[in-house]
Amino acid sequence: MNKKFFGKTSKGEDTYTYEISNNNGMRMVLTDFGASVVSIFIKDKNGVERDVVLGYDDVSVYERETAYFGATVGRNANRISGASIEVEGKTYKLDANDYFENNLHSGQHAVSGRIWSVKNHEANKITFTIVSLEELEGFPGDATLEVTFELTDNNEEIISYYGMCDKTTVYNLTNHAYWNLNGHDSGVNHSQELQIFASHYTPVSSSKSIPKGFNEPVEGTPFDFRQAKPIGQDIKAEHEQLGFANGYDHNFALDKEAGEMTTAAIAYAPESGIRMEVITDCPGIQLYTANFIHGHKGKGVEYVDQGAYCLETQFYPNAMNVEAFQSPLVQGGTPYTSKTIYKFTV
């Protein structure tokens, strides 16, 4: 249960990292700044330990950069058009931190950029908690957020989310880990294979990445990951949607019933032999191929564009403003819960 000093924020606040592990030698390092995952160590097919998530060396970089490496994102993950929502007849204006127009990952005062309290820390489990304030972030009500990271002896990273608010509000939390199953420092990952269990995806209207408000079939497009294929196979294809984001940055509508806990995606790196299965109760998963991280310096290496990928389990982007999408609103006084599992095998 190691706890180590991770530096001071610009406000002079002390931050720390915390390590958890299982009985197989799998280890995670997390920081209380943003309840963020800094490192995940997995043994590859040769028994060599690899750190499979991108991260930074100290808190000052987490505070300065805007890539959300490993962060717990809330109250709402992804984008909200016009930085505005209407809840029970009242309009709430949010921080327009994306193109000075839309809200991204809940804005510049969101919990991903604040220090969380450690509620519990055991050998294989840690729980962080924080209060998300209406006055600070703009969402309805003062909401409690909790996230628990647990490592099982089946080499599962279980992320459990909990929340409670005094008003009806948005609850759509995710983890923004950047994965590279050959190791965080191994460069472009186009050869790693990915399967996503979704027959539809959510196209966006422009480079601002706001969904059009409907889903389109993946069949016959570069977005068809129903059968495993290398991530880079179609990433350079001539397709308007890929041009908007310089690669993939899209929500996939999972083939599942609402609330059902099922496999959303499987990633595999032939070089390391590491396989990762993503299991979730969320309706969607955002594939982002790290298209704009060139020059980010972390953990002794300078990262490159498309040197990782995010698989963020979530409600669809802008869901609270699109009637056709499953709503992330939770009634005041009603607990919010969600769970995502990343299961590793070799």
Foldseek 3Di string as FASTA:
>chain_A
DDKAWQDAEPVRDTKIWDKADEPVGWIWIAIQFLRFTAWTWDQFPVRDIFTWWHHARGVHLQLVDDLLARGKFDQAAAKAFQQWFADPRDIWHFQCPQVSGIDHSQDDQTSSRGGWDWPDDDRFKTKTKDWDDCVRRGWPFTKIKMWMWGAYPLRKTKIKIKMAGQFWTFHKIKTWTWGDVVHLFPAAQQQKKKAFQFQWWFACDALSRDGPQDIDGCPPHPPHRNDIDGQNPCQPPPDRRSVSPVGFFTKGFHPDDQQDWAWGMKIADPVRRKIKTKTWNARIWTKDQQQDQAQSDRDHHGYDGSSTITTIGTFHHNQSVHPVGDGRIDGHPDMDMIMMMIGMDD
